PDB file of all heavy atoms in Angstrom:
ATOM      1  N   SER A   1     109.508  89.871 111.780  1.00  0.00           N
ATOM      2  CA  SER A   1     109.442  91.330 111.777  1.00  0.00           C
ATOM      3  C   SER A   1     110.649  91.899 111.057  1.00  0.00           C
ATOM      4  O   SER A   1     111.668  91.224 110.890  1.00  0.00           O
ATOM      5  CB  SER A   1     109.386  91.864 113.211  1.00  0.00           C
ATOM      6  OG  SER A   1     110.567  91.516 113.914  1.00  0.00           O
ATOM      7  N   LEU A   2     110.507  93.131 110.645  1.00  0.00           N
ATOM      8  CA  LEU A   2     111.597  93.851 109.983  1.00  0.00           C
ATOM      9  C   LEU A   2     111.666  95.241 110.603  1.00  0.00           C
ATOM     10  O   LEU A   2     110.772  96.054 110.383  1.00  0.00           O
ATOM     11  CB  LEU A   2     111.372  93.940 108.477  1.00  0.00           C
ATOM     12  CG  LEU A   2     112.510  94.573 107.687  1.00  0.00           C
ATOM     13  CD1 LEU A   2     113.728  93.642 107.685  1.00  0.00           C
ATOM     14  CD2 LEU A   2     112.079  94.868 106.248  1.00  0.00           C
ATOM     15  N   GLN A   3     112.687  95.477 111.394  1.00  0.00           N
ATOM     16  CA  GLN A   3     112.920  96.782 111.971  1.00  0.00           C
ATOM     17  C   GLN A   3     113.769  97.588 111.001  1.00  0.00           C
ATOM     18  O   GLN A   3     114.875  97.167 110.662  1.00  0.00           O
ATOM     19  CB  GLN A   3     113.629  96.668 113.325  1.00  0.00           C
ATOM     20  CG  GLN A   3     113.950  97.997 113.972  1.00  0.00           C
ATOM     21  CD  GLN A   3     112.697  98.762 114.366  1.00  0.00           C
ATOM     22  OE1 GLN A   3     111.746  98.190 114.868  1.00  0.00           O
ATOM     23  NE2 GLN A   3     112.709 100.066 114.126  1.00  0.00           N
ATOM     24  N   MET A   4     113.237  98.705 110.561  1.00  0.00           N
ATOM     25  CA  MET A   4     113.908  99.518 109.557  1.00  0.00           C
ATOM     26  C   MET A   4     114.286 100.855 110.174  1.00  0.00           C
ATOM     27  O   MET A   4     113.409 101.633 110.560  1.00  0.00           O
ATOM     28  CB  MET A   4     112.996  99.717 108.349  1.00  0.00           C
ATOM     29  CG  MET A   4     112.499  98.417 107.738  1.00  0.00           C
ATOM     30  SD  MET A   4     111.499  98.656 106.251  1.00  0.00           S
ATOM     31  CE  MET A   4     110.055  99.443 106.956  1.00  0.00           C
ATOM     32  N   ASN A   5     115.578 101.100 110.267  1.00  0.00           N
ATOM     33  CA  ASN A   5     116.094 102.342 110.828  1.00  0.00           C
ATOM     34  C   ASN A   5     116.841 103.138 109.760  1.00  0.00           C
ATOM     35  O   ASN A   5     117.202 102.591 108.711  1.00  0.00           O
ATOM     36  CB  ASN A   5     117.041 102.049 111.990  1.00  0.00           C
ATOM     37  CG  ASN A   5     116.346 101.332 113.137  1.00  0.00           C
ATOM     38  OD1 ASN A   5     115.165 101.532 113.396  1.00  0.00           O
ATOM     39  ND2 ASN A   5     117.087 100.482 113.836  1.00  0.00           N
ATOM     40  N   SER A   6     117.070 104.390 110.051  1.00  0.00           N
ATOM     41  CA  SER A   6     117.802 105.267 109.123  1.00  0.00           C
ATOM     42  C   SER A   6     117.247 105.149 107.707  1.00  0.00           C
ATOM     43  O   SER A   6     117.990 104.999 106.735  1.00  0.00           O
ATOM     44  CB  SER A   6     119.293 104.913 109.136  1.00  0.00           C
ATOM     45  OG  SER A   6     119.838 105.021 110.428  1.00  0.00           O
ATOM     46  N   LEU A   7     115.955 105.243 107.599  1.00  0.00           N
ATOM     47  CA  LEU A   7     115.302 105.053 106.308  1.00  0.00           C
ATOM     48  C   LEU A   7     115.669 106.155 105.322  1.00  0.00           C
ATOM     49  O   LEU A   7     115.861 107.321 105.699  1.00  0.00           O
ATOM     50  CB  LEU A   7     113.790 104.990 106.490  1.00  0.00           C
ATOM     51  CG  LEU A   7     113.287 103.633 107.026  1.00  0.00           C
ATOM     52  CD1 LEU A   7     111.887 103.766 107.619  1.00  0.00           C
ATOM     53  CD2 LEU A   7     113.296 102.603 105.911  1.00  0.00           C
ATOM     54  N   LYS A   8     115.761 105.753 104.074  1.00  0.00           N
ATOM     55  CA  LYS A   8     116.129 106.655 102.987  1.00  0.00           C
ATOM     56  C   LYS A   8     114.988 106.699 101.974  1.00  0.00           C
ATOM     57  O   LYS A   8     114.204 105.756 101.868  1.00  0.00           O
ATOM     58  CB  LYS A   8     117.392 106.146 102.303  1.00  0.00           C
ATOM     59  CG  LYS A   8     118.585 105.944 103.216  1.00  0.00           C
ATOM     60  CD  LYS A   8     119.745 105.342 102.455  1.00  0.00           C
ATOM     61  CE  LYS A   8     120.951 105.102 103.363  1.00  0.00           C
ATOM     62  NZ  LYS A   8     122.099 104.495 102.611  1.00  0.00           N
ATOM     63  N   PRO A   9     114.907 107.765 101.192  1.00  0.00           N
ATOM     64  CA  PRO A   9     113.860 107.825 100.164  1.00  0.00           C
ATOM     65  C   PRO A   9     113.886 106.614  99.225  1.00  0.00           C
ATOM     66  O   PRO A   9     112.829 106.165  98.772  1.00  0.00           O
ATOM     67  CB  PRO A   9     114.191 109.121  99.418  1.00  0.00           C
ATOM     68  CG  PRO A   9     114.835 109.976 100.459  1.00  0.00           C
ATOM     69  CD  PRO A   9     115.642 109.030 101.292  1.00  0.00           C
ATOM     70  N   GLU A  10     115.067 106.083  98.963  1.00  0.00           N
ATOM     71  CA  GLU A  10     115.157 104.929  98.074  1.00  0.00           C
ATOM     72  C   GLU A  10     114.643 103.640  98.700  1.00  0.00           C
ATOM     73  O   GLU A  10     114.566 102.608  98.028  1.00  0.00           O
ATOM     74  CB  GLU A  10     116.608 104.728  97.589  1.00  0.00           C
ATOM     75  CG  GLU A  10     117.651 104.704  98.684  1.00  0.00           C
ATOM     76  CD  GLU A  10     118.321 106.063  98.876  1.00  0.00           C
ATOM     77  OE1 GLU A  10     117.603 107.096  98.856  1.00  0.00           O
ATOM     78  OE2 GLU A  10     119.553 106.074  99.061  1.00  0.00           O
ATOM     79  N   ASP A  11     114.279 103.678  99.967  1.00  0.00           N
ATOM     80  CA  ASP A  11     113.636 102.527 100.594  1.00  0.00           C
ATOM     81  C   ASP A  11     112.134 102.501 100.305  1.00  0.00           C
ATOM     82  O   ASP A  11     111.456 101.528 100.659  1.00  0.00           O
ATOM     83  CB  ASP A  11     113.856 102.548 102.104  1.00  0.00           C
ATOM     84  CG  ASP A  11     115.315 102.344 102.496  1.00  0.00           C
ATOM     85  OD1 ASP A  11     115.972 101.482 101.887  1.00  0.00           O
ATOM     86  OD2 ASP A  11     115.784 103.062 103.406  1.00  0.00           O
ATOM     87  N   THR A  12     111.636 103.556  99.708  1.00  0.00           N
ATOM     88  CA  THR A  12     110.223 103.616  99.367  1.00  0.00           C
ATOM     89  C   THR A  12     109.861 102.488  98.410  1.00  0.00           C
ATOM     90  O   THR A  12     110.485 102.328  97.363  1.00  0.00           O
ATOM     91  CB  THR A  12     109.875 104.970  98.724  1.00  0.00           C
ATOM     92  OG1 THR A  12     110.085 106.013  99.686  1.00  0.00           O
ATOM     93  CG2 THR A  12     108.431 104.991  98.250  1.00  0.00           C
ATOM     94  N   ALA A  13     108.872 101.698  98.796  1.00  0.00           N
ATOM     95  CA  ALA A  13     108.472 100.539  97.998  1.00  0.00           C
ATOM     96  C   ALA A  13     107.276  99.872  98.664  1.00  0.00           C
ATOM     97  O   ALA A  13     106.902 100.209  99.791  1.00  0.00           O
ATOM     98  CB  ALA A  13     109.614  99.536  97.888  1.00  0.00           C
ATOM     99  N   VAL A  14     106.712  98.914  97.962  1.00  0.00           N
ATOM    100  CA  VAL A  14     105.749  98.008  98.577  1.00  0.00           C
ATOM    101  C   VAL A  14     106.538  96.816  99.107  1.00  0.00           C
ATOM    102  O   VAL A  14     107.304  96.193  98.361  1.00  0.00           O
ATOM    103  CB  VAL A  14     104.683  97.539  97.570  1.00  0.00           C
ATOM    104  CG1 VAL A  14     103.743  96.541  98.232  1.00  0.00           C
ATOM    105  CG2 VAL A  14     103.901  98.734  97.039  1.00  0.00           C
ATOM    106  N   TYR A  15     106.356  96.522 100.371  1.00  0.00           N
ATOM    107  CA  TYR A  15     107.098  95.445 101.015  1.00  0.00           C
ATOM    108  C   TYR A  15     106.197  94.213 101.161  1.00  0.00           C
ATOM    109  O   TYR A  15     105.044  94.322 101.593  1.00  0.00           O
ATOM    110  CB  TYR A  15     107.601  95.894 102.386  1.00  0.00           C
ATOM    111  CG  TYR A  15     108.792  96.813 102.307  1.00  0.00           C
ATOM    112  CD1 TYR A  15     108.658  98.103 101.797  1.00  0.00           C
ATOM    113  CD2 TYR A  15     110.054  96.400 102.696  1.00  0.00           C
ATOM    114  CE1 TYR A  15     109.750  98.951 101.691  1.00  0.00           C
ATOM    115  CE2 TYR A  15     111.157  97.242 102.606  1.00  0.00           C
ATOM    116  CZ  TYR A  15     110.994  98.511 102.097  1.00  0.00           C
ATOM    117  OH  TYR A  15     112.090  99.346 101.992  1.00  0.00           O
ATOM    118  N   TYR A  16     106.748  93.061 100.810  1.00  0.00           N
ATOM    119  CA  TYR A  16     106.010  91.804 100.839  1.00  0.00           C
ATOM    120  C   TYR A  16     106.673  90.818 101.791  1.00  0.00           C
ATOM    121  O   TYR A  16     107.893  90.622 101.736  1.00  0.00           O
ATOM    122  CB  TYR A  16     105.956  91.179  99.446  1.00  0.00           C
ATOM    123  CG  TYR A  16     105.223  91.981  98.412  1.00  0.00           C
ATOM    124  CD1 TYR A  16     105.883  92.929  97.635  1.00  0.00           C
ATOM    125  CD2 TYR A  16     103.854  91.797  98.204  1.00  0.00           C
ATOM    126  CE1 TYR A  16     105.215  93.677  96.680  1.00  0.00           C
ATOM    127  CE2 TYR A  16     103.171  92.534  97.246  1.00  0.00           C
ATOM    128  CZ  TYR A  16     103.859  93.473  96.491  1.00  0.00           C
ATOM    129  OH  TYR A  16     103.185  94.210  95.555  1.00  0.00           O
ATOM    130  N   CYS A  17     105.860  90.194 102.605  1.00  0.00           N
ATOM    131  CA  CYS A  17     106.334  89.120 103.473  1.00  0.00           C
ATOM    132  C   CYS A  17     106.309  87.819 102.685  1.00  0.00           C
ATOM    133  O   CYS A  17     105.401  87.587 101.886  1.00  0.00           O
ATOM    134  CB  CYS A  17     105.405  89.021 104.685  1.00  0.00           C
ATOM    135  SG  CYS A  17     105.724  87.635 105.780  1.00  0.00           S
ATOM    136  N   ILE A  18     107.313  86.974 102.882  1.00  0.00           N
ATOM    137  CA  ILE A  18     107.344  85.684 102.210  1.00  0.00           C
ATOM    138  C   ILE A  18     107.654  84.572 103.212  1.00  0.00           C
ATOM    139  O   ILE A  18     108.259  84.785 104.241  1.00  0.00           O
ATOM    140  CB  ILE A  18     108.380  85.653 101.060  1.00  0.00           C
ATOM    141  CG1 ILE A  18     109.806  85.761 101.623  1.00  0.00           C
ATOM    142  CG2 ILE A  18     108.090  86.731 100.047  1.00  0.00           C
ATOM    143  CD1 ILE A  18     110.562  84.437 101.612  1.00  0.00           C
ATOM    144  N   GLY A  19     107.223  83.378 102.817  1.00  0.00           N
ATOM    145  CA  GLY A  19     107.554  82.201 103.585  1.00  0.00           C
ATOM    146  C   GLY A  19     107.714  81.030 102.637  1.00  0.00           C
ATOM    147  O   GLY A  19     106.958  80.908 101.680  1.00  0.00           O
ATOM    148  N   THR A  20     108.719  80.198 102.888  1.00  0.00           N
ATOM    149  CA  THR A  20     108.925  79.040 102.033  1.00  0.00           C
ATOM    150  C   THR A  20     108.612  77.783 102.828  1.00  0.00           C
ATOM    151  O   THR A  20     108.980  77.652 104.004  1.00  0.00           O
ATOM    152  CB  THR A  20     110.370  78.968 101.518  1.00  0.00           C
ATOM    153  OG1 THR A  20     111.255  78.759 102.615  1.00  0.00           O
ATOM    154  CG2 THR A  20     110.748  80.246 100.799  1.00  0.00           C
ATOM    155  N   ALA A  21     107.948  76.868 102.156  1.00  0.00           N
ATOM    156  CA  ALA A  21     107.569  75.616 102.797  1.00  0.00           C
ATOM    157  C   ALA A  21     107.448  74.530 101.739  1.00  0.00           C
ATOM    158  O   ALA A  21     106.750  74.717 100.748  1.00  0.00           O
ATOM    159  CB  ALA A  21     106.256  75.770 103.544  1.00  0.00           C
ATOM    160  N   ARG A  22     108.169  73.430 101.967  1.00  0.00           N
ATOM    161  CA  ARG A  22     108.080  72.264 101.075  1.00  0.00           C
ATOM    162  C   ARG A  22     108.267  72.655  99.618  1.00  0.00           C
ATOM    163  O   ARG A  22     107.516  72.218  98.733  1.00  0.00           O
ATOM    164  CB  ARG A  22     106.741  71.554 101.272  1.00  0.00           C
ATOM    165  CG  ARG A  22     106.595  70.992 102.674  1.00  0.00           C
ATOM    166  CD  ARG A  22     105.226  70.412 102.915  1.00  0.00           C
ATOM    167  NE  ARG A  22     105.102  69.877 104.268  1.00  0.00           N
ATOM    168  CZ  ARG A  22     103.968  69.460 104.801  1.00  0.00           C
ATOM    169  NH1 ARG A  22     102.857  69.513 104.110  1.00  0.00           N
ATOM    170  NH2 ARG A  22     103.945  68.987 106.026  1.00  0.00           N
ATOM    171  N   GLY A  23     109.243  73.517  99.373  1.00  0.00           N
ATOM    172  CA  GLY A  23     109.595  73.866  98.013  1.00  0.00           C
ATOM    173  C   GLY A  23     108.760  74.960  97.385  1.00  0.00           C
ATOM    174  O   GLY A  23     109.017  75.360  96.248  1.00  0.00           O
ATOM    175  N   SER A  24     107.769  75.440  98.105  1.00  0.00           N
ATOM    176  CA  SER A  24     106.916  76.508  97.566  1.00  0.00           C
ATOM    177  C   SER A  24     107.166  77.804  98.327  1.00  0.00           C
ATOM    178  O   SER A  24     107.499  77.777  99.504  1.00  0.00           O
ATOM    179  CB  SER A  24     105.438  76.123  97.685  1.00  0.00           C
ATOM    180  OG  SER A  24     105.148  74.984  96.907  1.00  0.00           O
ATOM    181  N   THR A  25     106.979  78.913  97.631  1.00  0.00           N
ATOM    182  CA  THR A  25     107.106  80.235  98.250  1.00  0.00           C
ATOM    183  C   THR A  25     105.728  80.868  98.314  1.00  0.00           C
ATOM    184  O   THR A  25     105.021  80.932  97.306  1.00  0.00           O
ATOM    185  CB  THR A  25     108.064  81.131  97.461  1.00  0.00           C
ATOM    186  OG1 THR A  25     109.359  80.528  97.447  1.00  0.00           O
ATOM    187  CG2 THR A  25     108.166  82.507  98.103  1.00  0.00           C
ATOM    188  N   TYR A  26     105.378  81.327  99.495  1.00  0.00           N
ATOM    189  CA  TYR A  26     104.090  81.974  99.713  1.00  0.00           C
ATOM    190  C   TYR A  26     104.319  83.458  99.969  1.00  0.00           C
ATOM    191  O   TYR A  26     105.295  83.854 100.607  1.00  0.00           O
ATOM    192  CB  TYR A  26     103.372  81.330 100.905  1.00  0.00           C
ATOM    193  CG  TYR A  26     103.083  79.867 100.695  1.00  0.00           C
ATOM    194  CD1 TYR A  26     104.018  78.890 101.060  1.00  0.00           C
ATOM    195  CD2 TYR A  26     101.898  79.452 100.109  1.00  0.00           C
ATOM    196  CE1 TYR A  26     103.775  77.546 100.843  1.00  0.00           C
ATOM    197  CE2 TYR A  26     101.639  78.111  99.893  1.00  0.00           C
ATOM    198  CZ  TYR A  26     102.585  77.156 100.267  1.00  0.00           C
ATOM    199  OH  TYR A  26     102.324  75.828 100.045  1.00  0.00           O
ATOM    200  N   TRP A  27     103.401  84.267  99.463  1.00  0.00           N
ATOM    201  CA  TRP A  27     103.517  85.715  99.568  1.00  0.00           C
ATOM    202  C   TRP A  27     102.338  86.290 100.341  1.00  0.00           C
ATOM    203  O   TRP A  27     101.192  85.892 100.132  1.00  0.00           O
ATOM    204  CB  TRP A  27     103.540  86.347  98.179  1.00  0.00           C
ATOM    205  CG  TRP A  27     104.733  85.945  97.366  1.00  0.00           C
ATOM    206  CD1 TRP A  27     104.882  84.807  96.621  1.00  0.00           C
ATOM    207  CD2 TRP A  27     105.948  86.687  97.211  1.00  0.00           C
ATOM    208  NE1 TRP A  27     106.123  84.786  96.034  1.00  0.00           N
ATOM    209  CE2 TRP A  27     106.794  85.927  96.363  1.00  0.00           C
ATOM    210  CE3 TRP A  27     106.411  87.906  97.708  1.00  0.00           C
ATOM    211  CZ2 TRP A  27     108.072  86.362  96.008  1.00  0.00           C
ATOM    212  CZ3 TRP A  27     107.677  88.346  97.343  1.00  0.00           C
ATOM    213  CH2 TRP A  27     108.490  87.571  96.505  1.00  0.00           C
ATOM    214  N   GLY A  28     102.655  87.233 101.207  1.00  0.00           N
ATOM    215  CA  GLY A  28     101.604  87.984 101.864  1.00  0.00           C
ATOM    216  C   GLY A  28     101.193  89.169 101.012  1.00  0.00           C
ATOM    217  O   GLY A  28     101.769  89.417  99.951  1.00  0.00           O
ATOM    218  N   GLN A  29     100.211  89.910 101.483  1.00  0.00           N
ATOM    219  CA  GLN A  29      99.820  91.112 100.752  1.00  0.00           C
ATOM    220  C   GLN A  29     100.899  92.172 100.975  1.00  0.00           C
ATOM    221  O   GLN A  29     101.602  92.144 101.951  1.00  0.00           O
ATOM    222  CB  GLN A  29      98.445  91.611 101.234  1.00  0.00           C
ATOM    223  CG  GLN A  29      98.467  92.583 102.402  1.00  0.00           C
ATOM    224  CD  GLN A  29      98.744  91.950 103.738  1.00  0.00           C
ATOM    225  OE1 GLN A  29      99.112  90.791 103.836  1.00  0.00           O
ATOM    226  NE2 GLN A  29      98.586  92.737 104.788  1.00  0.00           N
ATOM    227  N   GLY A  30     101.051  93.047 100.077  1.00  0.00           N
ATOM    228  CA  GLY A  30     102.062  94.086 100.206  1.00  0.00           C
ATOM    229  C   GLY A  30     101.642  95.176 101.177  1.00  0.00           C
ATOM    230  O   GLY A  30     100.454  95.410 101.403  1.00  0.00           O
ATOM    231  N   THR A  31     102.635  95.827 101.751  1.00  0.00           N
ATOM    232  CA  THR A  31     102.376  96.977 102.603  1.00  0.00           C
ATOM    233  C   THR A  31     103.291  98.111 102.144  1.00  0.00           C
ATOM    234  O   THR A  31     104.483  97.908 101.928  1.00  0.00           O
ATOM    235  CB  THR A  31     102.577  96.647 104.089  1.00  0.00           C
ATOM    236  OG1 THR A  31     102.235  97.783 104.891  1.00  0.00           O
ATOM    237  CG2 THR A  31     104.010  96.245 104.411  1.00  0.00           C
ATOM    238  N   GLN A  32     102.708  99.286 101.982  1.00  0.00           N
ATOM    239  CA  GLN A  32     103.449 100.409 101.411  1.00  0.00           C
ATOM    240  C   GLN A  32     104.317 101.076 102.469  1.00  0.00           C
ATOM    241  O   GLN A  32     103.855 101.395 103.571  1.00  0.00           O
ATOM    242  CB  GLN A  32     102.485 101.441 100.826  1.00  0.00           C
ATOM    243  CG  GLN A  32     103.142 102.681 100.269  1.00  0.00           C
ATOM    244  CD  GLN A  32     103.910 102.418  98.980  1.00  0.00           C
ATOM    245  OE1 GLN A  32     103.413 101.731  98.091  1.00  0.00           O
ATOM    246  NE2 GLN A  32     105.118 102.965  98.882  1.00  0.00           N
ATOM    247  N   VAL A  33     105.552 101.311 102.109  1.00  0.00           N
ATOM    248  CA  VAL A  33     106.477 102.110 102.925  1.00  0.00           C
ATOM    249  C   VAL A  33     106.909 103.296 102.078  1.00  0.00           C
ATOM    250  O   VAL A  33     107.423 103.118 100.972  1.00  0.00           O
ATOM    251  CB  VAL A  33     107.708 101.294 103.357  1.00  0.00           C
ATOM    252  CG1 VAL A  33     108.743 102.200 104.019  1.00  0.00           C
ATOM    253  CG2 VAL A  33     107.294 100.177 104.309  1.00  0.00           C
ATOM    254  N   THR A  34     106.658 104.489 102.578  1.00  0.00           N
ATOM    255  CA  THR A  34     107.023 105.703 101.873  1.00  0.00           C
ATOM    256  C   THR A  34     107.933 106.539 102.762  1.00  0.00           C
ATOM    257  O   THR A  34     107.570 106.865 103.894  1.00  0.00           O
ATOM    258  CB  THR A  34     105.785 106.521 101.490  1.00  0.00           C
ATOM    259  OG1 THR A  34     104.912 105.720 100.680  1.00  0.00           O
ATOM    260  CG2 THR A  34     106.178 107.773 100.715  1.00  0.00           C
ATOM    261  N   VAL A  35     109.111 106.853 102.238  1.00  0.00           N
ATOM    262  CA  VAL A  35     110.078 107.668 102.974  1.00  0.00           C
ATOM    263  C   VAL A  35     110.194 109.005 102.243  1.00  0.00           C
ATOM    264  O   VAL A  35     110.729 109.078 101.141  1.00  0.00           O
ATOM    265  CB  VAL A  35     111.446 106.986 103.056  1.00  0.00           C
ATOM    266  CG1 VAL A  35     112.398 107.821 103.925  1.00  0.00           C
ATOM    267  CG2 VAL A  35     111.306 105.578 103.610  1.00  0.00           C
TER     268      VAL A  35
END
């Protein structure tokens, strides 16, 4: 999880979850955060 406090307009972005396993990086679908 990612708890985001004191959010700023510059935090606006699509956020992606990642996980690394056995030398590979896996990406989740993005989720939009708009401040």
